[in-house]
Amino acid sequence: MLRAVHQWRDGTASSHAGALQRLQGMDADFPLPFDKRLPTPAERVWAEFLSVLDALPPTARAAFMLHDVFGATLEDVSNVLGQPPAACREQLAMARRCAHEHARRLASPTRPS
C-alpha cells in the first residue's frame, strides 16, 4: 500500500490539484453539474466531503486521507509525511474535529431571523 501511496503522491497529485481548483471555482453552496439537473444525494455528500478536505491544511488532509480513508497505519502515514507519529496523531485529531464540526453545521443549519 505504501508504494501505491508514493506513486499517487509523486504521479497524480498535480492532476488532482487541477480538478480541485476547478471545483473551487464553482458555486460555493453546491456546484451544479453542467446539465443543470438537481444534484443527487451522493453528489451532495461528495461535494461536502471535498469542502471538508479543502478546509484542512495540507498535512492534516494527507494524514486524514491516508489513515482514515485509505486505511494506512500511523507508521505508514508518518513515513509518507516525514513527521513523527505524535505529530501525525495531532494532524488526524485536527482533521477529525474539522469533519465533525462540518457535519454538525450541516445537521443544524442556521435559520434566517
N, C-alpha and C. Protein backbone atom coordinates (compact mmCIF):
# COMPACT_ATOMS: atom_id res chain seq x y z
N MET A 1 0.83 -1.20 0.00
CA MET A 1 0.00 0.00 0.00
C MET A 1 0.87 1.25 0.00
N LEU A 2 1.93 1.23 0.78
CA LEU A 2 2.79 2.40 0.87
C LEU A 2 3.35 2.76 -0.50
N ARG A 3 3.72 1.76 -1.30
CA ARG A 3 4.22 2.02 -2.64
C ARG A 3 3.17 2.72 -3.50
N ALA A 4 1.92 2.27 -3.39
CA ALA A 4 0.83 2.90 -4.16
C ALA A 4 0.63 4.34 -3.73
N VAL A 5 0.75 4.61 -2.44
CA VAL A 5 0.60 5.98 -1.94
C VAL A 5 1.70 6.87 -2.50
N HIS A 6 2.94 6.36 -2.49
CA HIS A 6 4.05 7.15 -3.04
C HIS A 6 3.85 7.41 -4.53
N GLN A 7 3.38 6.40 -5.27
CA GLN A 7 3.13 6.59 -6.70
C GLN A 7 2.05 7.65 -6.91
N TRP A 8 0.99 7.58 -6.10
CA TRP A 8 -0.07 8.58 -6.23
C TRP A 8 0.47 9.96 -5.92
N ARG A 9 1.21 10.07 -4.81
CA ARG A 9 1.75 11.36 -4.40
C ARG A 9 2.65 11.94 -5.46
N ASP A 10 3.52 11.12 -6.02
CA ASP A 10 4.50 11.61 -6.98
C ASP A 10 3.95 11.78 -8.39
N GLY A 11 2.93 10.98 -8.75
CA GLY A 11 2.50 10.99 -10.14
C GLY A 11 1.19 11.67 -10.43
N THR A 12 0.25 11.67 -9.50
CA THR A 12 -1.07 12.17 -9.86
C THR A 12 -1.52 13.36 -9.03
N ALA A 13 -0.73 13.79 -8.07
CA ALA A 13 -1.15 14.89 -7.22
C ALA A 13 -1.46 16.15 -8.02
N SER A 14 -0.68 16.42 -9.07
CA SER A 14 -0.91 17.63 -9.85
C SER A 14 -2.22 17.56 -10.61
N SER A 15 -2.61 16.39 -11.11
CA SER A 15 -3.88 16.30 -11.83
C SER A 15 -5.05 16.46 -10.87
N HIS A 16 -4.90 15.95 -9.64
CA HIS A 16 -5.96 16.13 -8.64
C HIS A 16 -6.05 17.60 -8.21
N ALA A 17 -4.93 18.26 -8.14
CA ALA A 17 -4.93 19.67 -7.76
C ALA A 17 -5.70 20.50 -8.80
N GLY A 18 -5.53 20.18 -10.07
CA GLY A 18 -6.26 20.90 -11.12
C GLY A 18 -7.76 20.68 -11.02
N ALA A 19 -8.14 19.45 -10.73
CA ALA A 19 -9.58 19.15 -10.57
C ALA A 19 -10.14 19.90 -9.38
N LEU A 20 -9.39 19.94 -8.28
CA LEU A 20 -9.86 20.64 -7.09
C LEU A 20 -9.99 22.13 -7.36
N GLN A 21 -9.06 22.71 -8.10
CA GLN A 21 -9.15 24.13 -8.44
C GLN A 21 -10.40 24.42 -9.26
N ARG A 22 -10.74 23.53 -10.19
CA ARG A 22 -11.95 23.73 -10.99
C ARG A 22 -13.18 23.67 -10.10
N LEU A 23 -13.19 22.74 -9.14
CA LEU A 23 -14.34 22.64 -8.23
C LEU A 23 -14.45 23.88 -7.35
N GLN A 24 -13.32 24.42 -6.92
CA GLN A 24 -13.35 25.58 -6.06
C GLN A 24 -13.91 26.80 -6.77
N GLY A 25 -13.80 26.85 -8.08
CA GLY A 25 -14.30 27.98 -8.83
C GLY A 25 -15.80 27.94 -9.05
N MET A 26 -16.44 26.85 -8.67
CA MET A 26 -17.89 26.71 -8.86
C MET A 26 -18.64 27.30 -7.68
N ASP A 27 -19.94 27.26 -7.76
CA ASP A 27 -20.83 27.76 -6.72
C ASP A 27 -20.42 27.22 -5.36
N ALA A 28 -20.31 28.09 -4.34
CA ALA A 28 -19.83 27.69 -3.03
C ALA A 28 -20.80 26.76 -2.30
N ASP A 29 -22.10 26.95 -2.48
CA ASP A 29 -23.07 26.10 -1.78
C ASP A 29 -23.06 24.68 -2.32
N PHE A 30 -23.15 24.54 -3.61
CA PHE A 30 -23.04 23.24 -4.26
C PHE A 30 -22.88 23.46 -5.75
N PRO A 31 -21.85 22.90 -6.32
CA PRO A 31 -21.64 23.08 -7.75
C PRO A 31 -22.62 22.22 -8.55
N LEU A 32 -23.53 22.85 -9.25
CA LEU A 32 -24.46 22.10 -10.08
C LEU A 32 -23.73 21.51 -11.27
N PRO A 33 -24.06 20.31 -11.64
CA PRO A 33 -23.45 19.74 -12.85
C PRO A 33 -23.80 20.59 -14.07
N PHE A 34 -23.04 20.41 -15.10
CA PHE A 34 -23.20 21.26 -16.27
C PHE A 34 -24.57 21.14 -16.93
N ASP A 35 -25.26 20.01 -16.76
CA ASP A 35 -26.58 19.90 -17.39
C ASP A 35 -27.67 20.51 -16.53
N LYS A 36 -27.32 21.14 -15.41
CA LYS A 36 -28.22 21.89 -14.53
C LYS A 36 -29.28 21.04 -13.84
N ARG A 37 -29.11 19.72 -13.84
CA ARG A 37 -30.04 18.88 -13.10
C ARG A 37 -29.77 19.03 -11.61
N LEU A 38 -30.73 18.68 -10.80
CA LEU A 38 -30.53 18.76 -9.36
C LEU A 38 -29.54 17.68 -8.93
N PRO A 39 -28.69 18.00 -7.96
CA PRO A 39 -27.70 17.01 -7.53
C PRO A 39 -28.36 15.85 -6.79
N THR A 40 -27.79 14.70 -6.96
CA THR A 40 -28.27 13.53 -6.22
C THR A 40 -27.72 13.61 -4.80
N PRO A 41 -28.30 12.86 -3.87
CA PRO A 41 -27.74 12.85 -2.51
C PRO A 41 -26.26 12.44 -2.50
N ALA A 42 -25.89 11.49 -3.33
CA ALA A 42 -24.48 11.08 -3.38
C ALA A 42 -23.58 12.21 -3.85
N GLU A 43 -24.04 13.01 -4.81
CA GLU A 43 -23.26 14.15 -5.29
C GLU A 43 -23.12 15.21 -4.21
N ARG A 44 -24.18 15.41 -3.43
CA ARG A 44 -24.12 16.39 -2.33
C ARG A 44 -23.14 15.94 -1.27
N VAL A 45 -23.16 14.64 -0.95
CA VAL A 45 -22.22 14.11 0.05
C VAL A 45 -20.79 14.31 -0.44
N TRP A 46 -20.55 14.01 -1.70
CA TRP A 46 -19.21 14.17 -2.26
C TRP A 46 -18.77 15.64 -2.21
N ALA A 47 -19.65 16.55 -2.56
CA ALA A 47 -19.30 17.97 -2.53
C ALA A 47 -18.98 18.41 -1.11
N GLU A 48 -19.72 17.94 -0.13
CA GLU A 48 -19.45 18.30 1.26
C GLU A 48 -18.12 17.71 1.72
N PHE A 49 -17.83 16.48 1.31
CA PHE A 49 -16.55 15.85 1.65
C PHE A 49 -15.40 16.67 1.08
N LEU A 50 -15.53 17.10 -0.17
CA LEU A 50 -14.48 17.92 -0.78
C LEU A 50 -14.32 19.25 -0.05
N SER A 51 -15.42 19.83 0.42
CA SER A 51 -15.30 21.11 1.14
C SER A 51 -14.61 20.92 2.48
N VAL A 52 -14.83 19.77 3.14
CA VAL A 52 -14.09 19.48 4.38
C VAL A 52 -12.61 19.34 4.07
N LEU A 53 -12.27 18.58 3.04
CA LEU A 53 -10.86 18.41 2.69
C LEU A 53 -10.21 19.73 2.34
N ASP A 54 -10.93 20.58 1.63
CA ASP A 54 -10.39 21.87 1.21
C ASP A 54 -10.10 22.77 2.42
N ALA A 55 -10.87 22.61 3.49
CA ALA A 55 -10.70 23.45 4.68
C ALA A 55 -9.48 23.04 5.52
N LEU A 56 -8.94 21.86 5.27
CA LEU A 56 -7.83 21.36 6.07
C LEU A 56 -6.49 21.83 5.54
N PRO A 57 -5.52 22.04 6.44
CA PRO A 57 -4.15 22.28 5.98
C PRO A 57 -3.65 21.03 5.24
N PRO A 58 -2.71 21.18 4.34
CA PRO A 58 -2.26 20.04 3.52
C PRO A 58 -1.80 18.81 4.32
N THR A 59 -1.06 19.01 5.40
CA THR A 59 -0.57 17.86 6.17
C THR A 59 -1.71 17.14 6.86
N ALA A 60 -2.65 17.88 7.42
CA ALA A 60 -3.81 17.26 8.08
C ALA A 60 -4.66 16.53 7.04
N ARG A 61 -4.82 17.13 5.87
CA ARG A 61 -5.59 16.50 4.78
C ARG A 61 -4.95 15.17 4.38
N ALA A 62 -3.64 15.18 4.20
CA ALA A 62 -2.94 13.97 3.79
C ALA A 62 -3.03 12.89 4.87
N ALA A 63 -2.83 13.27 6.12
CA ALA A 63 -2.91 12.31 7.22
C ALA A 63 -4.30 11.70 7.29
N PHE A 64 -5.32 12.53 7.17
CA PHE A 64 -6.71 12.07 7.22
C PHE A 64 -7.01 11.10 6.08
N MET A 65 -6.62 11.50 4.87
CA MET A 65 -6.88 10.65 3.71
C MET A 65 -6.14 9.32 3.82
N LEU A 66 -4.87 9.38 4.15
CA LEU A 66 -4.07 8.15 4.22
C LEU A 66 -4.58 7.21 5.31
N HIS A 67 -4.83 7.74 6.49
CA HIS A 67 -5.19 6.90 7.63
C HIS A 67 -6.67 6.53 7.65
N ASP A 68 -7.54 7.54 7.63
CA ASP A 68 -8.97 7.29 7.82
C ASP A 68 -9.69 6.85 6.55
N VAL A 69 -9.21 7.27 5.40
CA VAL A 69 -9.88 6.90 4.15
C VAL A 69 -9.23 5.66 3.52
N PHE A 70 -7.89 5.67 3.41
CA PHE A 70 -7.21 4.56 2.74
C PHE A 70 -6.77 3.46 3.70
N GLY A 71 -6.87 3.68 5.00
CA GLY A 71 -6.56 2.65 5.98
C GLY A 71 -5.08 2.41 6.22
N ALA A 72 -4.24 3.38 5.91
CA ALA A 72 -2.80 3.22 6.17
C ALA A 72 -2.57 3.24 7.68
N THR A 73 -1.52 2.56 8.11
CA THR A 73 -1.17 2.59 9.52
C THR A 73 -0.57 3.94 9.88
N LEU A 74 -0.56 4.24 11.16
CA LEU A 74 0.05 5.50 11.60
C LEU A 74 1.54 5.53 11.24
N GLU A 75 2.18 4.37 11.30
CA GLU A 75 3.59 4.28 10.93
C GLU A 75 3.78 4.64 9.45
N ASP A 76 2.91 4.12 8.59
CA ASP A 76 2.99 4.44 7.16
C ASP A 76 2.73 5.93 6.92
N VAL A 77 1.74 6.48 7.60
CA VAL A 77 1.44 7.91 7.47
C VAL A 77 2.66 8.72 7.88
N SER A 78 3.27 8.34 8.99
CA SER A 78 4.46 9.02 9.49
C SER A 78 5.59 8.98 8.46
N ASN A 79 5.79 7.82 7.86
CA ASN A 79 6.86 7.69 6.85
C ASN A 79 6.58 8.53 5.61
N VAL A 80 5.34 8.50 5.13
CA VAL A 80 4.99 9.25 3.92
C VAL A 80 5.12 10.75 4.15
N LEU A 81 4.63 11.23 5.30
CA LEU A 81 4.64 12.66 5.57
C LEU A 81 5.97 13.16 6.15
N GLY A 82 6.82 12.23 6.57
CA GLY A 82 8.11 12.63 7.13
C GLY A 82 7.98 13.33 8.46
N GLN A 83 6.97 12.94 9.23
CA GLN A 83 6.74 13.54 10.54
C GLN A 83 6.65 12.43 11.58
N PRO A 84 6.96 12.76 12.84
CA PRO A 84 6.84 11.73 13.88
C PRO A 84 5.38 11.31 14.08
N PRO A 85 5.16 10.09 14.55
CA PRO A 85 3.79 9.62 14.77
C PRO A 85 2.95 10.54 15.65
N ALA A 86 3.55 11.15 16.66
CA ALA A 86 2.79 12.05 17.54
C ALA A 86 2.26 13.25 16.75
N ALA A 87 3.05 13.79 15.86
CA ALA A 87 2.60 14.92 15.04
C ALA A 87 1.49 14.48 14.09
N CYS A 88 1.61 13.27 13.55
CA CYS A 88 0.57 12.74 12.67
C CYS A 88 -0.74 12.54 13.43
N ARG A 89 -0.64 12.06 14.69
CA ARG A 89 -1.84 11.90 15.52
C ARG A 89 -2.52 13.25 15.73
N GLU A 90 -1.74 14.30 15.96
CA GLU A 90 -2.31 15.64 16.14
C GLU A 90 -3.01 16.11 14.87
N GLN A 91 -2.39 15.85 13.72
CA GLN A 91 -2.99 16.24 12.44
C GLN A 91 -4.30 15.48 12.21
N LEU A 92 -4.31 14.20 12.56
CA LEU A 92 -5.52 13.40 12.43
C LEU A 92 -6.63 13.93 13.34
N ALA A 93 -6.27 14.26 14.57
CA ALA A 93 -7.26 14.79 15.51
C ALA A 93 -7.86 16.09 14.99
N MET A 94 -7.01 16.97 14.46
CA MET A 94 -7.50 18.24 13.92
C MET A 94 -8.43 17.99 12.73
N ALA A 95 -8.05 17.08 11.84
CA ALA A 95 -8.88 16.79 10.66
C ALA A 95 -10.23 16.21 11.07
N ARG A 96 -10.21 15.32 12.05
CA ARG A 96 -11.47 14.72 12.52
C ARG A 96 -12.37 15.76 13.18
N ARG A 97 -11.78 16.66 13.97
CA ARG A 97 -12.57 17.74 14.58
C ARG A 97 -13.22 18.61 13.50
N CYS A 98 -12.45 18.94 12.48
CA CYS A 98 -12.97 19.76 11.38
C CYS A 98 -14.12 19.04 10.68
N ALA A 99 -13.96 17.74 10.41
CA ALA A 99 -15.00 16.97 9.74
C ALA A 99 -16.26 16.89 10.60
N HIS A 100 -16.09 16.65 11.89
CA HIS A 100 -17.25 16.56 12.79
C HIS A 100 -17.95 17.90 12.92
N GLU A 101 -17.19 18.99 12.98
CA GLU A 101 -17.79 20.32 13.07
C GLU A 101 -18.58 20.63 11.79
N HIS A 102 -18.03 20.27 10.67
CA HIS A 102 -18.72 20.48 9.39
C HIS A 102 -20.02 19.68 9.36
N ALA A 103 -19.97 18.45 9.84
CA ALA A 103 -21.18 17.62 9.88
C ALA A 103 -22.23 18.21 10.82
N ARG A 104 -21.78 18.74 11.95
CA ARG A 104 -22.73 19.39 12.89
C ARG A 104 -23.42 20.60 12.25
N ARG A 105 -22.63 21.39 11.53
CA ARG A 105 -23.22 22.57 10.85
C ARG A 105 -24.23 22.14 9.80
N LEU A 106 -23.96 21.05 9.10
CA LEU A 106 -24.91 20.56 8.10
C LEU A 106 -26.18 20.02 8.74
N ALA A 107 -26.03 19.39 9.89
CA ALA A 107 -27.18 18.79 10.56
C ALA A 107 -28.12 19.84 11.16
N SER A 108 -27.57 20.98 11.53
CA SER A 108 -28.41 22.03 12.13
C SER A 108 -28.06 23.39 11.52
N PRO A 109 -28.49 23.62 10.27
CA PRO A 109 -28.19 24.90 9.61
C PRO A 109 -28.89 26.05 10.32
N THR A 110 -28.24 27.19 10.31
CA THR A 110 -28.82 28.37 10.92
C THR A 110 -29.98 28.87 10.08
N ARG A 111 -31.02 29.30 10.74
CA ARG A 111 -32.19 29.82 10.02
C ARG A 111 -32.16 31.34 10.07
N PRO A 112 -32.50 32.00 8.97
CA PRO A 112 -32.52 33.46 8.98
C PRO A 112 -33.59 33.98 9.93
N SER A 113 -33.30 35.08 10.58
CA SER A 113 -34.24 35.66 11.54
C SER A 113 -35.34 36.43 10.84
